[in-house]
Protein backbone atom coordinates (compact mmCIF):
# COMPACT_ATOMS: atom_id res chain seq x y z
CA MET A 1 -7.66 2.41 20.11
CA ASP A 2 -8.19 -0.50 17.75
CA LYS A 3 -7.80 -3.81 19.60
CA ASN A 4 -5.16 -5.01 17.14
CA TYR A 5 -3.02 -1.92 17.61
CA SER A 6 -3.55 -2.02 21.36
CA THR A 7 -1.91 -5.44 21.17
CA GLN A 8 1.08 -3.94 19.42
CA LYS A 9 1.40 -1.28 22.12
CA LYS A 10 1.46 -3.99 24.76
CA LEU A 11 4.08 -5.88 22.78
CA GLY A 12 6.17 -2.73 22.67
CA LEU A 13 6.05 -2.47 26.46
CA LEU A 14 6.91 -6.15 26.67
CA ILE A 15 10.18 -5.44 24.87
CA LEU A 16 11.49 -3.16 27.63
CA PRO A 17 12.02 -5.75 30.39
CA PHE A 18 13.32 -8.15 27.75
CA PHE A 19 15.99 -5.63 26.73
CA ALA A 20 16.82 -4.93 30.37
CA ALA A 21 17.35 -8.63 31.10
CA PHE A 22 19.39 -9.03 27.93
CA PHE A 23 21.57 -6.05 28.88
CA ILE A 24 22.22 -7.40 32.37
CA MET A 25 23.16 -10.82 31.02
CA GLY A 26 25.48 -9.23 28.49
CA THR A 27 27.17 -7.17 31.18
CA PHE A 28 28.06 -10.14 33.35
CA PHE A 29 28.57 -12.86 30.74
CA ASP A 30 29.97 -10.86 27.80
CA LYS A 31 33.44 -12.44 27.85
CA THR A 32 32.12 -15.96 28.36
CA ALA A 33 29.75 -15.59 25.40
CA ALA A 34 32.47 -14.10 23.21
CA GLU A 35 34.89 -16.93 24.03
CA ALA A 36 32.24 -19.54 23.28
CA LEU A 37 30.99 -18.01 20.04
CA PHE A 38 34.13 -16.50 18.56
CA SER A 39 34.81 -18.17 15.21
CA PRO A 40 36.36 -15.86 12.59
CA ASP A 41 36.20 -18.39 9.77
CA PHE A 42 32.69 -19.82 10.16
CA VAL A 43 30.83 -18.62 7.04
CA PRO A 44 27.25 -19.60 8.09
CA ALA A 45 27.63 -17.47 11.22
CA LYS A 46 28.77 -14.53 9.12
CA LEU A 47 25.69 -14.89 6.93
CA LEU A 48 23.47 -14.91 10.02
CA THR A 49 25.19 -11.77 11.24
CA THR A 50 24.44 -10.06 7.92
CA LEU A 51 20.82 -11.22 8.02
CA GLY A 52 20.39 -9.65 11.43
CA VAL A 53 20.91 -6.06 10.20
CA TYR A 54 18.94 -6.35 6.96
CA PRO A 55 15.39 -5.64 8.24
CA PHE A 56 16.45 -2.34 9.81
CA TYR A 57 17.32 -0.77 6.46
CA ALA A 58 14.89 -2.72 4.28
CA ALA A 59 11.88 -1.80 6.41
CA GLN A 60 12.69 1.90 6.19
CA VAL A 61 12.81 1.78 2.38
CA PHE A 62 9.46 -0.04 2.46
CA PHE A 63 7.91 2.58 4.74
CA TRP A 64 9.21 5.48 2.64
CA GLY A 65 7.39 3.91 -0.29
CA ALA A 66 4.22 3.77 1.78
CA LEU A 67 4.51 7.42 2.75
CA SER A 68 5.04 8.37 -0.90
CA GLU A 69 1.78 6.70 -1.87
CA ARG A 70 -0.11 8.54 0.85
CA ALA A 71 1.50 11.83 -0.16
CA ILE A 72 0.55 11.42 -3.81
CA HIS A 73 -3.07 10.68 -2.96
CA SER A 74 -3.45 13.30 -0.24
CA ASP A 75 -5.64 16.38 -0.57
CA LYS A 76 -2.69 18.78 -0.30
CA SER A 77 -1.61 21.09 -3.08
CA LYS A 78 0.20 19.63 -6.07
CA ALA A 79 3.42 21.50 -5.23
CA PHE A 80 3.34 20.28 -1.62
CA ARG A 81 2.72 16.67 -2.68
CA ALA A 82 5.56 16.87 -5.19
CA ALA A 83 7.93 18.24 -2.53
CA LEU A 84 6.98 15.48 -0.11
CA CYS A 85 7.48 12.78 -2.73
CA ILE A 86 10.93 14.14 -3.60
CA ILE A 87 11.90 14.09 0.07
CA PHE A 88 10.59 10.56 0.53
CA VAL A 89 12.27 9.21 -2.59
CA LEU A 90 15.60 10.81 -1.69
CA SER A 91 15.32 9.44 1.84
CA ALA A 92 14.67 5.95 0.47
CA LEU A 93 17.65 6.26 -1.89
CA LEU A 94 19.90 7.34 0.97
CA ILE A 95 18.75 4.66 3.41
CA GLY A 96 18.94 2.01 0.69
CA PHE A 97 22.49 3.04 -0.14
CA ILE A 98 23.50 3.02 3.53
CA GLY A 99 21.89 -0.40 3.86
CA GLY A 100 23.78 -1.69 0.82
CA LYS A 101 27.01 -0.31 2.24
CA SER A 102 26.34 -1.99 5.57
CA MET A 103 25.49 -5.32 3.95
CA THR A 104 28.76 -5.32 1.97
CA GLY A 105 30.84 -3.88 4.82
CA ARG A 106 33.64 -5.52 6.76
CA ASN A 107 31.30 -6.63 9.54
CA ASN A 108 28.88 -8.40 7.18
CA LEU A 109 29.36 -9.83 3.67
CA GLY A 110 32.71 -8.07 3.40
CA SER A 111 33.99 -10.48 6.03
CA ILE A 112 33.43 -13.31 3.54
CA TYR A 113 34.41 -11.40 0.40
CA PRO A 114 36.91 -8.66 1.37
CA SER A 115 36.78 -7.25 -2.17
CA LEU A 116 33.27 -5.94 -1.36
CA ILE A 117 34.53 -3.61 1.36
CA GLY A 118 34.33 -0.03 0.12
CA ASN A 119 33.37 -1.24 -3.36
CA ILE A 120 30.83 1.35 -4.56
CA PRO A 121 29.56 -0.73 -7.54
CA ALA A 122 28.97 -3.62 -5.12
CA VAL A 123 27.10 -1.30 -2.77
CA ILE A 124 24.90 -0.03 -5.59
CA ILE A 125 24.15 -3.54 -6.85
CA SER A 126 23.33 -4.67 -3.31
CA SER A 127 20.98 -1.72 -2.88
CA LEU A 128 19.30 -2.32 -6.24
CA ILE A 129 18.67 -5.98 -5.43
CA LEU A 130 17.99 -6.00 -1.70
CA GLU A 131 16.73 -2.53 -0.82
CA TYR A 132 15.15 -0.40 -3.54
CA PRO A 133 12.50 -2.90 -4.77
CA LEU A 134 10.93 -2.59 -1.32
CA PHE A 135 10.06 1.03 -2.05
CA LEU A 136 7.63 -0.13 -4.72
CA ALA A 137 6.39 -2.88 -2.41
CA GLY A 138 5.64 -0.30 0.27
CA TYR A 139 3.87 1.93 -2.25
CA LEU A 140 1.63 -0.89 -3.43
CA ALA A 141 0.94 -2.15 0.08
CA SER A 142 -0.07 1.33 1.22
CA LYS A 143 -2.35 1.69 -1.78
CA LYS A 144 -4.30 -1.39 -0.66
CA SER A 145 -4.34 -0.47 3.02
CA LYS A 146 -7.46 1.23 4.37
CA ASP A 147 -5.80 2.29 7.61
CA LYS A 148 -6.48 6.03 7.97
CA LEU A 149 -3.82 6.35 10.66
CA LEU A 150 -1.13 4.68 8.61
CA VAL A 151 0.97 7.82 8.13
CA LYS A 152 0.99 8.60 11.86
CA ARG A 153 1.90 5.03 12.69
CA VAL A 154 4.79 4.98 10.22
CA ILE A 155 6.11 8.33 11.45
CA ALA A 156 5.97 7.06 15.03
CA LEU A 157 7.94 3.97 14.04
CA PHE A 158 10.48 6.13 12.23
CA ALA A 159 10.88 8.15 15.43
CA VAL A 160 11.64 4.94 17.35
CA LEU A 161 14.18 3.76 14.78
CA LEU A 162 15.84 7.17 14.61
CA ALA A 163 16.04 7.48 18.39
CA ALA A 164 17.60 4.02 18.60
CA TYR A 165 20.15 4.84 15.89
CA LEU A 166 21.12 8.20 17.39
CA SER A 167 21.51 6.61 20.82
CA LEU A 168 23.72 3.95 19.27
CA GLU A 169 26.00 6.50 17.60
CA LEU A 170 26.15 8.68 20.71
CA LEU A 171 27.19 5.80 22.94
CA LYS A 172 29.71 4.48 20.44
CA ASN A 173 31.41 7.87 20.49
CA LEU A 174 31.38 8.00 24.30
CA PHE A 175 32.77 4.50 24.89
CA ASP A 176 36.03 3.30 23.36
CA ARG A 177 36.00 -0.47 23.54
CA PRO A 178 38.02 -2.91 21.39
CA ARG A 179 36.15 -5.60 19.54
CA TYR A 180 36.80 -9.10 20.81
CA ARG A 181 38.29 -10.12 17.45
CA THR A 182 41.00 -7.49 17.99
CA ALA A 183 41.48 -8.19 21.68
CA VAL A 184 42.49 -11.81 20.99
CA LEU A 185 45.23 -10.94 18.50
CA GLY A 186 47.84 -10.18 21.15
CA TYR A 187 48.42 -6.47 20.57
CA GLU A 188 50.19 -4.93 23.54
CA GLY A 189 47.80 -2.71 25.44
CA ILE A 190 44.70 -4.16 23.79
CA GLY A 191 42.75 -6.78 25.70
CA PHE A 192 39.19 -7.68 26.56
CA ALA A 193 37.41 -4.77 28.23
CA PRO A 194 33.93 -4.81 29.79
CA TRP A 195 31.80 -1.96 28.47
CA TYR A 196 31.62 -0.29 31.88
CA LYS A 197 35.42 -0.01 32.26
CA PRO A 198 36.94 2.90 30.29
CA PHE A 199 39.48 1.91 27.65
CA ALA A 200 42.16 4.54 27.19
CA GLY A 201 44.45 4.98 24.21
CA ALA A 202 42.19 3.82 21.38
CA GLU A 203 43.51 6.43 18.94
CA LYS A 204 47.11 5.65 19.86
CA CYS A 205 46.62 1.90 19.44
CA ALA A 206 44.82 2.36 16.12
CA ALA A 207 47.65 4.49 14.76
CA GLU A 208 50.42 2.26 16.14
CA TYR A 209 49.01 -1.00 14.80
CA GLY A 210 47.29 0.32 11.67
CA LEU A 211 43.81 -0.61 12.87
CA PRO A 212 40.57 1.05 11.69
CA ALA A 213 38.89 3.25 14.29
CA ASP A 214 35.87 0.93 14.01
CA GLU A 215 37.86 -1.74 15.88
CA PHE A 216 37.34 0.31 19.04
CA ARG A 217 33.61 0.92 18.60
CA SER A 218 32.17 -2.36 19.82
CA PHE A 219 29.81 -0.87 22.40
CA PRO A 220 26.92 -0.76 21.93
CA SER A 221 26.65 -3.46 19.29
CA GLY A 222 24.91 -2.23 16.16
CA HIS A 223 24.10 -5.80 15.20
CA SER A 224 22.41 -6.32 18.57
CA LEU A 225 20.34 -3.18 18.25
CA PHE A 226 19.27 -3.71 14.63
CA SER A 227 18.38 -7.35 15.26
CA SER A 228 16.34 -6.41 18.32
CA LEU A 229 14.38 -3.74 16.45
CA THR A 230 12.81 -6.44 14.28
CA MET A 231 10.48 -7.02 17.24
CA CYS A 232 9.06 -3.57 16.47
CA ILE A 233 9.30 -3.80 12.69
CA PHE A 234 7.64 -7.16 12.07
CA PRO A 235 4.38 -6.44 13.95
CA SER A 236 4.12 -3.20 11.95
CA LEU A 237 3.40 -5.23 8.83
CA ALA A 238 -0.11 -5.64 10.23
CA TRP A 239 -0.72 -1.99 9.28
CA PHE A 240 -0.53 -2.95 5.63
CA PHE A 241 -1.87 -6.48 5.44
CA PRO A 242 -5.30 -7.11 7.03
CA LYS A 243 -4.66 -10.84 7.29
CA LEU A 244 -1.84 -10.12 9.75
CA LYS A 245 -3.83 -7.92 12.14
CA ASP A 246 -4.60 -10.79 14.49
CA LYS A 247 -1.10 -12.24 14.19
CA GLN A 248 0.93 -9.49 15.81
CA LEU A 249 2.09 -11.69 18.66
CA ARG A 250 3.33 -14.21 16.12
CA LEU A 251 5.11 -11.46 14.18
CA PHE A 252 6.67 -10.25 17.42
CA SER A 253 7.87 -13.78 18.10
CA TRP A 254 9.39 -13.99 14.64
CA GLY A 255 11.24 -10.78 15.46
CA THR A 256 12.90 -12.49 18.40
CA VAL A 257 14.31 -15.07 15.99
CA PHE A 258 16.64 -12.39 14.66
CA LEU A 259 18.24 -11.84 18.06
CA PRO A 260 20.64 -14.80 17.74
CA CYS A 261 21.81 -13.39 14.39
CA HIS A 262 24.22 -11.00 16.04
CA ASN A 263 25.22 -13.52 18.74
CA ALA A 264 26.19 -16.12 16.17
CA HIS A 265 29.29 -14.14 15.45
CA PRO A 266 29.64 -11.23 17.88
CA ASN A 267 31.42 -8.52 15.89
CA ASP A 268 34.28 -10.88 15.11
CA THR A 269 33.80 -11.63 11.45
CA TRP A 270 37.19 -10.63 10.10
CA ARG A 271 40.82 -10.22 11.06
CA PRO A 272 42.67 -6.93 10.52
CA LEU A 273 44.57 -6.85 7.24
CA SER A 274 47.77 -6.14 9.16
CA GLN A 275 47.77 -9.73 10.37
């Protein structure tokens, strides 16, 4: 294996104990951290929270562009290449739209500008500005890259991102846990709950108080996961840009900078409209 990519493999293994330590700290100091950081009206913290989820969606659009370039210039049949390109473009459009929706959602920019929540034109504009241009960037970067294993590397990274996302959704559906921003509002029967203690009656409380179901899906934190995945995403840029091949450790370190983005405002960026 190329020395530079061997470094990235080692960095990937380095993430595991880091995540384990982070998880243990969160388990025992979750309430203390939430009490210290909770600030529903602090706009800079909300912007940091939004920034933390951006690379997860943006990188995927970039990588779909890279795969499209490789598909177009492959030695496969014209029909097969066309089919692949259609799949890749549609995937980029979907991910970009989901990313735009997330960026303008109630847990991100929608917490600052509530009119953005569920606003399809705003989602489309956000996607056009922040997401879709990266498809072309990925295409051009792939065109200049001489890495013959680029496709395999990108597919492997996609597998990691997909596994992380599916695990997130699975756990969120297994654990009902109120967000701290809801727990502090004084609803009867809704209080702070550690992730490992089952919270019963989420559907009943949501219906009784007119709360969105999302208010009881705080574990695991999507912001935490997406911010953490930048430690995998950033070093992957070395696949496209030769000047970065010996800077993977630095890129990994830059990925860790995104970790505080979700802690700056832990899922508490808005108050329910019923208040």
